[in-house]
Full PDB file with SEQRES, HELIX, SHEET, SSBOND, CRYST1, ORIGX, SCALE, CONECT and MASTER records, all heavy atoms in Angstrom:
SEQRES   1 A   39  SER TYR GLN PHE LYS VAL PRO LYS ASN LEU GLU LYS ARG          
SEQRES   2 A   39  ALA ARG GLY ILE LYS ASP THR ASP LEU PRO ILE GLN LEU          
SEQRES   3 A   39  SER VAL VAL LEU LYS SER LYS SER PRO ILE ILE GLU PHE          
HELIX    1 AA1 LEU A   10  ARG A   15  1                                   6    
SHEET    1 AA1 2 TYR A   2  VAL A   6  0                                        
SHEET    2 AA1 2 THR A  20  ILE A  24 -1                                        
CRYST1    1.000    1.000    1.000  90.00  90.00  90.00 P 1           1          
ORIGX1      1.000000  0.000000  0.000000        0.00000                         
ORIGX2      0.000000  1.000000  0.000000        0.00000                         
ORIGX3      0.000000  0.000000  1.000000        0.00000                         
SCALE1      1.000000  0.000000  0.000000        0.00000                         
SCALE2      0.000000  1.000000  0.000000        0.00000                         
SCALE3      0.000000  0.000000  1.000000        0.00000                         
ATOM      1  N   SER A   1      28.836  53.299  14.328  1.00  0.00           N  
ATOM      2  CA  SER A   1      29.668  53.237  15.384  1.00  0.00           C  
ATOM      3  C   SER A   1      29.397  51.976  16.005  1.00  0.00           C  
ATOM      4  O   SER A   1      28.232  51.496  16.261  1.00  0.00           O  
ATOM      5  CB  SER A   1      29.393  54.422  16.388  1.00  0.00           C  
ATOM      6  OG  SER A   1      29.615  55.700  15.763  1.00  0.00           O  
ATOM      7  N   TYR A   2      30.577  51.266  16.487  1.00  0.00           N  
ATOM      8  CA  TYR A   2      30.331  50.025  17.177  1.00  0.00           C  
ATOM      9  C   TYR A   2      31.575  49.613  18.002  1.00  0.00           C  
ATOM     10  O   TYR A   2      32.616  50.202  17.871  1.00  0.00           O  
ATOM     11  CB  TYR A   2      30.091  48.850  16.257  1.00  0.00           C  
ATOM     12  CG  TYR A   2      30.812  48.785  14.913  1.00  0.00           C  
ATOM     13  CD1 TYR A   2      31.906  48.022  14.705  1.00  0.00           C  
ATOM     14  CD2 TYR A   2      30.436  49.599  13.804  1.00  0.00           C  
ATOM     15  CE1 TYR A   2      32.629  47.924  13.596  1.00  0.00           C  
ATOM     16  CE2 TYR A   2      31.173  49.637  12.632  1.00  0.00           C  
ATOM     17  CZ  TYR A   2      32.210  48.831  12.599  1.00  0.00           C  
ATOM     18  OH  TYR A   2      33.025  48.819  11.398  1.00  0.00           O  
ATOM     19  N   GLN A   3      31.403  48.689  18.829  1.00  0.00           N  
ATOM     20  CA  GLN A   3      32.544  48.173  19.707  1.00  0.00           C  
ATOM     21  C   GLN A   3      32.898  46.763  19.272  1.00  0.00           C  
ATOM     22  O   GLN A   3      31.954  45.871  19.379  1.00  0.00           O  
ATOM     23  CB  GLN A   3      32.114  48.190  21.168  1.00  0.00           C  
ATOM     24  CG  GLN A   3      31.635  49.573  21.705  1.00  0.00           C  
ATOM     25  CD  GLN A   3      32.689  50.360  22.169  1.00  0.00           C  
ATOM     26  OE1 GLN A   3      33.760  49.841  22.367  1.00  0.00           O  
ATOM     27  NE2 GLN A   3      32.578  51.699  22.358  1.00  0.00           N  
ATOM     28  N   PHE A   4      34.061  46.509  18.968  1.00  0.00           N  
ATOM     29  CA  PHE A   4      34.428  45.173  18.760  1.00  0.00           C  
ATOM     30  C   PHE A   4      35.074  44.559  20.017  1.00  0.00           C  
ATOM     31  O   PHE A   4      35.650  45.303  20.781  1.00  0.00           O  
ATOM     32  CB  PHE A   4      35.646  45.051  17.732  1.00  0.00           C  
ATOM     33  CG  PHE A   4      35.301  45.064  16.280  1.00  0.00           C  
ATOM     34  CD1 PHE A   4      35.757  45.862  15.335  1.00  0.00           C  
ATOM     35  CD2 PHE A   4      34.385  43.940  15.683  1.00  0.00           C  
ATOM     36  CE1 PHE A   4      35.415  45.937  13.996  1.00  0.00           C  
ATOM     37  CE2 PHE A   4      34.000  43.974  14.476  1.00  0.00           C  
ATOM     38  CZ  PHE A   4      34.550  44.934  13.550  1.00  0.00           C  
ATOM     39  N   LYS A   5      34.804  43.355  20.317  1.00  0.00           N  
ATOM     40  CA  LYS A   5      35.427  42.783  21.371  1.00  0.00           C  
ATOM     41  C   LYS A   5      36.639  41.958  20.850  1.00  0.00           C  
ATOM     42  O   LYS A   5      36.450  41.158  19.952  1.00  0.00           O  
ATOM     43  CB  LYS A   5      34.453  41.618  22.147  1.00  0.00           C  
ATOM     44  CG  LYS A   5      33.551  42.228  22.983  1.00  0.00           C  
ATOM     45  CD  LYS A   5      34.152  42.703  24.267  1.00  0.00           C  
ATOM     46  CE  LYS A   5      33.092  42.978  25.337  1.00  0.00           C  
ATOM     47  NZ  LYS A   5      33.803  43.689  26.546  1.00  0.00           N  
ATOM     48  N   VAL A   6      37.791  42.389  21.379  1.00  0.00           N  
ATOM     49  CA  VAL A   6      38.965  41.779  20.858  1.00  0.00           C  
ATOM     50  C   VAL A   6      39.931  41.470  21.977  1.00  0.00           C  
ATOM     51  O   VAL A   6      39.752  41.924  23.225  1.00  0.00           O  
ATOM     52  CB  VAL A   6      39.735  42.785  19.972  1.00  0.00           C  
ATOM     53  CG1 VAL A   6      38.925  43.193  18.700  1.00  0.00           C  
ATOM     54  CG2 VAL A   6      40.113  44.123  20.751  1.00  0.00           C  
ATOM     55  N   PRO A   7      40.908  40.536  21.758  1.00  0.00           N  
ATOM     56  CA  PRO A   7      41.871  40.262  22.890  1.00  0.00           C  
ATOM     57  C   PRO A   7      42.718  41.459  23.150  1.00  0.00           C  
ATOM     58  O   PRO A   7      43.144  42.326  22.303  1.00  0.00           O  
ATOM     59  CB  PRO A   7      42.736  39.213  22.204  1.00  0.00           C  
ATOM     60  CG  PRO A   7      42.044  38.701  21.057  1.00  0.00           C  
ATOM     61  CD  PRO A   7      41.076  39.757  20.709  1.00  0.00           C  
ATOM     62  N   LYS A   8      43.083  41.711  24.399  1.00  0.00           N  
ATOM     63  CA  LYS A   8      43.892  42.996  24.671  1.00  0.00           C  
ATOM     64  C   LYS A   8      45.243  42.774  24.269  1.00  0.00           C  
ATOM     65  O   LYS A   8      45.933  43.856  23.948  1.00  0.00           O  
ATOM     66  CB  LYS A   8      43.872  43.145  26.281  1.00  0.00           C  
ATOM     67  CG  LYS A   8      44.743  44.321  26.769  1.00  0.00           C  
ATOM     68  CD  LYS A   8      44.310  44.745  27.994  1.00  0.00           C  
ATOM     69  CE  LYS A   8      45.088  45.985  28.443  1.00  0.00           C  
ATOM     70  NZ  LYS A   8      44.885  47.090  27.650  1.00  0.00           N  
ATOM     71  N   ASN A   9      45.878  41.655  24.183  1.00  0.00           N  
ATOM     72  CA  ASN A   9      47.237  41.437  23.686  1.00  0.00           C  
ATOM     73  C   ASN A   9      47.415  40.141  23.082  1.00  0.00           C  
ATOM     74  O   ASN A   9      46.459  39.287  22.876  1.00  0.00           O  
ATOM     75  CB  ASN A   9      48.155  41.619  25.059  1.00  0.00           C  
ATOM     76  CG  ASN A   9      47.800  40.616  26.090  1.00  0.00           C  
ATOM     77  OD1 ASN A   9      47.362  39.438  25.862  1.00  0.00           O  
ATOM     78  ND2 ASN A   9      47.816  41.222  27.335  1.00  0.00           N  
ATOM     79  N   LEU A  10      48.522  39.813  22.649  1.00  0.00           N  
ATOM     80  CA  LEU A  10      48.769  38.538  21.865  1.00  0.00           C  
ATOM     81  C   LEU A  10      48.642  37.302  22.668  1.00  0.00           C  
ATOM     82  O   LEU A  10      48.210  36.289  22.211  1.00  0.00           O  
ATOM     83  CB  LEU A  10      50.235  38.523  21.289  1.00  0.00           C  
ATOM     84  CG  LEU A  10      50.527  39.698  20.088  1.00  0.00           C  
ATOM     85  CD1 LEU A  10      51.889  39.642  19.618  1.00  0.00           C  
ATOM     86  CD2 LEU A  10      49.536  39.427  18.985  1.00  0.00           C  
ATOM     87  N   GLU A  11      48.954  37.422  24.055  1.00  0.00           N  
ATOM     88  CA  GLU A  11      48.822  36.251  24.866  1.00  0.00           C  
ATOM     89  C   GLU A  11      47.324  35.917  24.902  1.00  0.00           C  
ATOM     90  O   GLU A  11      46.933  34.692  24.844  1.00  0.00           O  
ATOM     91  CB  GLU A  11      49.371  36.565  26.316  1.00  0.00           C  
ATOM     92  CG  GLU A  11      49.159  35.435  27.278  1.00  0.00           C  
ATOM     93  CD  GLU A  11      49.573  35.898  28.634  1.00  0.00           C  
ATOM     94  OE1 GLU A  11      50.719  36.430  28.725  1.00  0.00           O  
ATOM     95  OE2 GLU A  11      48.838  35.668  29.566  1.00  0.00           O  
ATOM     96  N   LYS A  12      46.408  36.841  25.154  1.00  0.00           N  
ATOM     97  CA  LYS A  12      45.024  36.557  25.257  1.00  0.00           C  
ATOM     98  C   LYS A  12      44.513  36.180  23.849  1.00  0.00           C  
ATOM     99  O   LYS A  12      43.592  35.314  23.681  1.00  0.00           O  
ATOM    100  CB  LYS A  12      44.323  37.726  25.768  1.00  0.00           C  
ATOM    101  CG  LYS A  12      44.581  37.948  27.254  1.00  0.00           C  
ATOM    102  CD  LYS A  12      43.730  39.196  27.818  1.00  0.00           C  
ATOM    103  CE  LYS A  12      44.034  39.229  29.214  1.00  0.00           C  
ATOM    104  NZ  LYS A  12      43.127  40.154  29.962  1.00  0.00           N  
ATOM    105  N   ARG A  13      45.062  36.632  22.788  1.00  0.00           N  
ATOM    106  CA  ARG A  13      44.735  36.317  21.353  1.00  0.00           C  
ATOM    107  C   ARG A  13      44.925  34.796  21.259  1.00  0.00           C  
ATOM    108  O   ARG A  13      44.180  33.971  20.644  1.00  0.00           O  
ATOM    109  CB  ARG A  13      45.417  37.191  20.346  1.00  0.00           C  
ATOM    110  CG  ARG A  13      45.004  36.811  18.954  1.00  0.00           C  
ATOM    111  CD  ARG A  13      45.815  37.703  18.075  1.00  0.00           C  
ATOM    112  NE  ARG A  13      45.749  37.249  16.749  1.00  0.00           N  
ATOM    113  CZ  ARG A  13      46.339  37.840  15.699  1.00  0.00           C  
ATOM    114  NH1 ARG A  13      47.081  38.916  16.007  1.00  0.00           N  
ATOM    115  NH2 ARG A  13      46.223  37.332  14.494  1.00  0.00           N  
ATOM    116  N   ALA A  14      46.121  34.429  21.710  1.00  0.00           N  
ATOM    117  CA  ALA A  14      46.469  32.916  21.475  1.00  0.00           C  
ATOM    118  C   ALA A  14      45.614  32.068  22.284  1.00  0.00           C  
ATOM    119  O   ALA A  14      45.315  30.931  21.787  1.00  0.00           O  
ATOM    120  CB  ALA A  14      48.037  32.701  21.971  1.00  0.00           C  
ATOM    121  N   ARG A  15      45.044  32.560  23.354  1.00  0.00           N  
ATOM    122  CA  ARG A  15      44.065  31.799  24.184  1.00  0.00           C  
ATOM    123  C   ARG A  15      42.630  31.837  23.774  1.00  0.00           C  
ATOM    124  O   ARG A  15      41.719  31.296  24.282  1.00  0.00           O  
ATOM    125  CB  ARG A  15      44.292  32.149  25.657  1.00  0.00           C  
ATOM    126  CG  ARG A  15      45.629  31.657  26.241  1.00  0.00           C  
ATOM    127  CD  ARG A  15      45.719  31.814  27.640  1.00  0.00           C  
ATOM    128  NE  ARG A  15      44.821  32.821  28.271  1.00  0.00           N  
ATOM    129  CZ  ARG A  15      45.191  33.569  29.384  1.00  0.00           C  
ATOM    130  NH1 ARG A  15      46.342  33.498  29.932  1.00  0.00           N  
ATOM    131  NH2 ARG A  15      44.317  34.404  29.865  1.00  0.00           N  
ATOM    132  N   GLY A  16      42.322  32.850  22.843  1.00  0.00           N  
ATOM    133  CA  GLY A  16      40.990  32.945  22.200  1.00  0.00           C  
ATOM    134  C   GLY A  16      40.181  33.803  23.255  1.00  0.00           C  
ATOM    135  O   GLY A  16      38.994  33.834  23.211  1.00  0.00           O  
ATOM    136  N   ILE A  17      40.745  34.743  24.078  1.00  0.00           N  
ATOM    137  CA  ILE A  17      40.013  35.504  25.023  1.00  0.00           C  
ATOM    138  C   ILE A  17      39.826  36.915  24.370  1.00  0.00           C  
ATOM    139  O   ILE A  17      40.759  37.646  24.080  1.00  0.00           O  
ATOM    140  CB  ILE A  17      40.866  35.628  26.329  1.00  0.00           C  
ATOM    141  CG1 ILE A  17      40.989  34.352  26.965  1.00  0.00           C  
ATOM    142  CG2 ILE A  17      40.055  36.629  27.274  1.00  0.00           C  
ATOM    143  CD1 ILE A  17      41.874  34.259  28.153  1.00  0.00           C  
ATOM    144  N   LYS A  18      38.510  37.347  24.227  1.00  0.00           N  
ATOM    145  CA  LYS A  18      38.208  38.580  23.759  1.00  0.00           C  
ATOM    146  C   LYS A  18      37.542  39.424  24.926  1.00  0.00           C  
ATOM    147  O   LYS A  18      36.407  39.333  25.171  1.00  0.00           O  
ATOM    148  CB  LYS A  18      37.174  38.339  22.534  1.00  0.00           C  
ATOM    149  CG  LYS A  18      37.761  37.702  21.353  1.00  0.00           C  
ATOM    150  CD  LYS A  18      36.828  37.487  20.218  1.00  0.00           C  
ATOM    151  CE  LYS A  18      37.343  36.790  19.122  1.00  0.00           C  
ATOM    152  NZ  LYS A  18      36.495  36.536  18.009  1.00  0.00           N  
ATOM    153  N   ASP A  19      38.354  40.279  25.482  1.00  0.00           N  
ATOM    154  CA  ASP A  19      37.906  40.767  26.679  1.00  0.00           C  
ATOM    155  C   ASP A  19      38.068  42.472  26.812  1.00  0.00           C  
ATOM    156  O   ASP A  19      37.712  43.042  27.799  1.00  0.00           O  
ATOM    157  CB  ASP A  19      38.895  40.387  27.856  1.00  0.00           C  
ATOM    158  CG  ASP A  19      40.391  40.640  27.672  1.00  0.00           C  
ATOM    159  OD1 ASP A  19      40.668  41.091  26.569  1.00  0.00           O  
ATOM    160  OD2 ASP A  19      41.003  40.597  28.774  1.00  0.00           O  
ATOM    161  N   THR A  20      38.322  43.032  25.522  1.00  0.00           N  
ATOM    162  CA  THR A  20      38.517  44.459  25.446  1.00  0.00           C  
ATOM    163  C   THR A  20      37.842  45.058  24.332  1.00  0.00           C  
ATOM    164  O   THR A  20      37.697  44.542  23.271  1.00  0.00           O  
ATOM    165  CB  THR A  20      40.035  44.832  25.379  1.00  0.00           C  
ATOM    166  OG1 THR A  20      40.815  44.118  26.290  1.00  0.00           O  
ATOM    167  CG2 THR A  20      40.290  46.247  25.364  1.00  0.00           C  
ATOM    168  N   ASP A  21      37.018  46.182  24.692  1.00  0.00           N  
ATOM    169  CA  ASP A  21      36.390  46.987  23.674  1.00  0.00           C  
ATOM    170  C   ASP A  21      37.240  47.664  22.682  1.00  0.00           C  
ATOM    171  O   ASP A  21      38.214  48.403  23.223  1.00  0.00           O  
ATOM    172  CB  ASP A  21      35.336  47.881  24.306  1.00  0.00           C  
ATOM    173  CG  ASP A  21      34.166  47.166  24.921  1.00  0.00           C  
ATOM    174  OD1 ASP A  21      33.777  46.102  24.389  1.00  0.00           O  
ATOM    175  OD2 ASP A  21      33.626  47.619  25.826  1.00  0.00           O  
ATOM    176  N   LEU A  22      36.990  47.602  21.454  1.00  0.00           N  
ATOM    177  CA  LEU A  22      37.836  48.404  20.526  1.00  0.00           C  
ATOM    178  C   LEU A  22      36.768  49.220  19.724  1.00  0.00           C  
ATOM    179  O   LEU A  22      36.041  48.756  18.929  1.00  0.00           O  
ATOM    180  CB  LEU A  22      38.541  47.435  19.439  1.00  0.00           C  
ATOM    181  CG  LEU A  22      39.425  48.150  18.393  1.00  0.00           C  
ATOM    182  CD1 LEU A  22      40.583  48.918  19.037  1.00  0.00           C  
ATOM    183  CD2 LEU A  22      39.906  47.145  17.426  1.00  0.00           C  
ATOM    184  N   PRO A  23      36.680  50.594  20.002  1.00  0.00           N  
ATOM    185  CA  PRO A  23      35.783  51.417  19.456  1.00  0.00           C  
ATOM    186  C   PRO A  23      36.095  51.705  18.026  1.00  0.00           C  
ATOM    187  O   PRO A  23      37.230  52.091  17.617  1.00  0.00           O  
ATOM    188  CB  PRO A  23      35.755  52.737  20.274  1.00  0.00           C  
ATOM    189  CG  PRO A  23      36.518  52.365  21.494  1.00  0.00           C  
ATOM    190  CD  PRO A  23      37.427  51.265  21.171  1.00  0.00           C  
ATOM    191  N   ILE A  24      35.120  51.557  17.134  1.00  0.00           N  
ATOM    192  CA  ILE A  24      35.203  51.797  15.650  1.00  0.00           C  
ATOM    193  C   ILE A  24      34.184  52.741  15.235  1.00  0.00           C  
ATOM    194  O   ILE A  24      33.071  52.704  15.732  1.00  0.00           O  
ATOM    195  CB  ILE A  24      35.024  50.485  14.843  1.00  0.00           C  
ATOM    196  CG1 ILE A  24      35.903  49.354  15.395  1.00  0.00           C  
ATOM    197  CG2 ILE A  24      35.245  50.763  13.346  1.00  0.00           C  
ATOM    198  CD1 ILE A  24      37.392  49.616  15.070  1.00  0.00           C  
ATOM    199  N   GLN A  25      34.481  53.692  14.276  1.00  0.00           N  
ATOM    200  CA  GLN A  25      33.514  54.573  13.671  1.00  0.00           C  
ATOM    201  C   GLN A  25      33.798  54.672  12.135  1.00  0.00           C  
ATOM    202  O   GLN A  25      34.902  54.966  11.810  1.00  0.00           O  
ATOM    203  CB  GLN A  25      33.569  55.924  14.210  1.00  0.00           C  
ATOM    204  CG  GLN A  25      32.456  56.842  13.671  1.00  0.00           C  
ATOM    205  CD  GLN A  25      32.453  58.230  14.313  1.00  0.00           C  
ATOM    206  OE1 GLN A  25      33.414  59.069  14.031  1.00  0.00           O  
ATOM    207  NE2 GLN A  25      31.580  58.522  15.026  1.00  0.00           N  
ATOM    208  N   LEU A  26      32.805  54.400  11.354  1.00  0.00           N  
ATOM    209  CA  LEU A  26      32.839  54.338   9.994  1.00  0.00           C  
ATOM    210  C   LEU A  26      32.023  55.378   9.442  1.00  0.00           C  
ATOM    211  O   LEU A  26      30.701  55.325   9.658  1.00  0.00           O  
ATOM    212  CB  LEU A  26      32.691  53.064   9.296  1.00  0.00           C  
ATOM    213  CG  LEU A  26      32.542  53.044   7.790  1.00  0.00           C  
ATOM    214  CD1 LEU A  26      33.982  53.331   7.214  1.00  0.00           C  
ATOM    215  CD2 LEU A  26      32.041  51.642   7.302  1.00  0.00           C  
ATOM    216  N   SER A  27      32.309  56.447   8.650  1.00  0.00           N  
ATOM    217  CA  SER A  27      31.500  57.386   8.045  1.00  0.00           C  
ATOM    218  C   SER A  27      31.591  57.132   6.642  1.00  0.00           C  
ATOM    219  O   SER A  27      32.682  56.982   6.044  1.00  0.00           O  
ATOM    220  CB  SER A  27      32.014  58.853   8.344  1.00  0.00           C  
ATOM    221  OG  SER A  27      31.950  58.995   9.710  1.00  0.00           O  
ATOM    222  N   VAL A  28      30.319  57.054   5.920  1.00  0.00           N  
ATOM    223  CA  VAL A  28      30.216  57.035   4.409  1.00  0.00           C  
ATOM    224  C   VAL A  28      29.613  58.336   3.999  1.00  0.00           C  
ATOM    225  O   VAL A  28      28.521  58.628   4.421  1.00  0.00           O  
ATOM    226  CB  VAL A  28      29.408  55.828   4.058  1.00  0.00           C  
ATOM    227  CG1 VAL A  28      29.443  55.646   2.548  1.00  0.00           C  
ATOM    228  CG2 VAL A  28      29.959  54.540   4.704  1.00  0.00           C  
ATOM    229  N   VAL A  29      30.323  58.911   2.995  1.00  0.00           N  
ATOM    230  CA  VAL A  29      29.706  60.324   2.534  1.00  0.00           C  
ATOM    231  C   VAL A  29      29.592  60.128   1.054  1.00  0.00           C  
ATOM    232  O   VAL A  29      30.404  59.758   0.303  1.00  0.00           O  
ATOM    233  CB  VAL A  29      30.869  61.386   2.799  1.00  0.00           C  
ATOM    234  CG1 VAL A  29      30.245  62.711   2.235  1.00  0.00           C  
ATOM    235  CG2 VAL A  29      31.099  61.504   4.308  1.00  0.00           C  
ATOM    236  N   LEU A  30      28.403  60.543   0.639  1.00  0.00           N  
ATOM    237  CA  LEU A  30      27.966  60.620  -0.888  1.00  0.00           C  
ATOM    238  C   LEU A  30      27.759  62.074  -1.112  1.00  0.00           C  
ATOM    239  O   LEU A  30      26.929  62.675  -0.501  1.00  0.00           O  
ATOM    240  CB  LEU A  30      26.733  59.779  -1.165  1.00  0.00           C  
ATOM    241  CG  LEU A  30      26.630  58.371  -0.744  1.00  0.00           C  
ATOM    242  CD1 LEU A  30      25.385  57.652  -1.044  1.00  0.00           C  
ATOM    243  CD2 LEU A  30      27.778  57.569  -1.605  1.00  0.00           C  
ATOM    244  N   LYS A  31      28.466  62.537  -2.222  1.00  0.00           N  
ATOM    245  CA  LYS A  31      28.244  64.041  -2.562  1.00  0.00           C  
ATOM    246  C   LYS A  31      27.592  64.060  -3.992  1.00  0.00           C  
ATOM    247  O   LYS A  31      27.767  63.233  -4.739  1.00  0.00           O  
ATOM    248  CB  LYS A  31      29.618  64.587  -2.609  1.00  0.00           C  
ATOM    249  CG  LYS A  31      30.256  64.902  -1.233  1.00  0.00           C  
ATOM    250  CD  LYS A  31      31.573  65.475  -1.379  1.00  0.00           C  
ATOM    251  CE  LYS A  31      32.196  65.691  -0.026  1.00  0.00           C  
ATOM    252  NZ  LYS A  31      33.592  66.288  -0.168  1.00  0.00           N  
ATOM    253  N   SER A  32      26.593  64.921  -4.066  1.00  0.00           N  
ATOM    254  CA  SER A  32      25.866  65.194  -5.263  1.00  0.00           C  
ATOM    255  C   SER A  32      26.719  65.231  -6.530  1.00  0.00           C  
ATOM    256  O   SER A  32      27.697  66.061  -6.464  1.00  0.00           O  
ATOM    257  CB  SER A  32      24.883  66.320  -5.270  1.00  0.00           C  
ATOM    258  OG  SER A  32      24.204  66.602  -6.246  1.00  0.00           O  
ATOM    259  N   LYS A  33      26.383  64.437  -7.526  1.00  0.00           N  
ATOM    260  CA  LYS A  33      27.052  64.559  -8.858  1.00  0.00           C  
ATOM    261  C   LYS A  33      28.595  64.183  -8.673  1.00  0.00           C  
ATOM    262  O   LYS A  33      29.365  64.500  -9.658  1.00  0.00           O  
ATOM    263  CB  LYS A  33      27.008  65.919  -9.448  1.00  0.00           C  
ATOM    264  CG  LYS A  33      25.564  66.273  -9.683  1.00  0.00           C  
ATOM    265  CD  LYS A  33      25.440  67.683 -10.341  1.00  0.00           C  
ATOM    266  CE  LYS A  33      23.942  68.001 -10.580  1.00  0.00           C  
ATOM    267  NZ  LYS A  33      23.813  69.329 -11.094  1.00  0.00           N  
ATOM    268  N   SER A  34      28.946  63.424  -7.748  1.00  0.00           N  
ATOM    269  CA  SER A  34      30.432  62.964  -7.622  1.00  0.00           C  
ATOM    270  C   SER A  34      30.376  61.442  -7.703  1.00  0.00           C  
ATOM    271  O   SER A  34      29.524  60.757  -7.097  1.00  0.00           O  
ATOM    272  CB  SER A  34      30.958  63.500  -6.199  1.00  0.00           C  
ATOM    273  OG  SER A  34      32.240  62.816  -6.165  1.00  0.00           O  
ATOM    274  N   PRO A  35      31.314  60.970  -8.452  1.00  0.00           N  
ATOM    275  CA  PRO A  35      31.495  59.466  -8.650  1.00  0.00           C  
ATOM    276  C   PRO A  35      32.259  58.903  -7.555  1.00  0.00           C  
ATOM    277  O   PRO A  35      32.431  57.693  -7.385  1.00  0.00           O  
ATOM    278  CB  PRO A  35      32.184  59.290  -9.961  1.00  0.00           C  
ATOM    279  CG  PRO A  35      33.019  60.514  -9.939  1.00  0.00           C  
ATOM    280  CD  PRO A  35      32.309  61.639  -9.388  1.00  0.00           C  
ATOM    281  N   ILE A  36      32.615  59.647  -6.566  1.00  0.00           N  
ATOM    282  CA  ILE A  36      33.556  59.232  -5.452  1.00  0.00           C  
ATOM    283  C   ILE A  36      32.637  59.007  -4.120  1.00  0.00           C  
ATOM    284  O   ILE A  36      31.895  59.798  -3.766  1.00  0.00           O  
ATOM    285  CB  ILE A  36      34.542  60.223  -5.111  1.00  0.00           C  
ATOM    286  CG1 ILE A  36      35.515  60.487  -6.341  1.00  0.00           C  
ATOM    287  CG2 ILE A  36      35.416  59.885  -3.866  1.00  0.00           C  
ATOM    288  CD1 ILE A  36      36.551  61.460  -6.249  1.00  0.00           C  
ATOM    289  N   ILE A  37      32.887  57.883  -3.545  1.00  0.00           N  
ATOM    290  CA  ILE A  37      32.284  57.480  -2.267  1.00  0.00           C  
ATOM    291  C   ILE A  37      33.375  57.666  -1.237  1.00  0.00           C  
ATOM    292  O   ILE A  37      34.415  57.014  -1.350  1.00  0.00           O  
ATOM    293  CB  ILE A  37      31.668  56.021  -2.292  1.00  0.00           C  
ATOM    294  CG1 ILE A  37      30.681  55.816  -3.245  1.00  0.00           C  
ATOM    295  CG2 ILE A  37      31.137  55.812  -0.794  1.00  0.00           C  
ATOM    296  CD1 ILE A  37      30.321  54.442  -3.521  1.00  0.00           C  
ATOM    297  N   GLU A  38      33.069  58.498  -0.331  1.00  0.00           N  
ATOM    298  CA  GLU A  38      34.224  58.748   0.787  1.00  0.00           C  
ATOM    299  C   GLU A  38      33.898  57.870   1.891  1.00  0.00           C  
ATOM    300  O   GLU A  38      32.806  57.777   2.481  1.00  0.00           O  
ATOM    301  CB  GLU A  38      34.163  60.257   1.089  1.00  0.00           C  
ATOM    302  CG  GLU A  38      34.551  61.183  -0.028  1.00  0.00           C  
ATOM    303  CD  GLU A  38      34.490  62.613   0.292  1.00  0.00           C  
ATOM    304  OE1 GLU A  38      34.520  62.931   1.499  1.00  0.00           O  
ATOM    305  OE2 GLU A  38      34.560  63.465  -0.664  1.00  0.00           O  
ATOM    306  N   PHE A  39      34.943  57.260   2.419  1.00  0.00           N  
ATOM    307  CA  PHE A  39      34.916  56.475   3.693  1.00  0.00           C  
ATOM    308  C   PHE A  39      35.910  57.091   4.700  1.00  0.00           C  
ATOM    309  O   PHE A  39      37.032  57.293   4.271  1.00  0.00           O  
ATOM    310  CB  PHE A  39      35.232  55.035   3.445  1.00  0.00           C  
ATOM    311  CG  PHE A  39      34.412  54.287   2.632  1.00  0.00           C  
ATOM    312  CD1 PHE A  39      34.450  54.308   1.162  1.00  0.00           C  
ATOM    313  CD2 PHE A  39      33.377  53.476   2.998  1.00  0.00           C  
ATOM    314  CE1 PHE A  39      33.687  53.616   0.360  1.00  0.00           C  
ATOM    315  CE2 PHE A  39      32.459  52.843   2.318  1.00  0.00           C  
ATOM    316  CZ  PHE A  39      32.678  52.871   0.860  1.00  0.00           C  
TER     317      PHE A  39                                                      
MASTER        0    0    0    1    2    0    0    6  316    1    0    3          
END                                                                             
């Protein structure tokens, strides 16, 4: 889990302002005897 600092909108993006938190969560699941990695 982490927070990206990103521009709130396109105007702030054009000015290079990163002022808003964007919460992200990535889960990685490995199952016994399965060739599949679940994200």
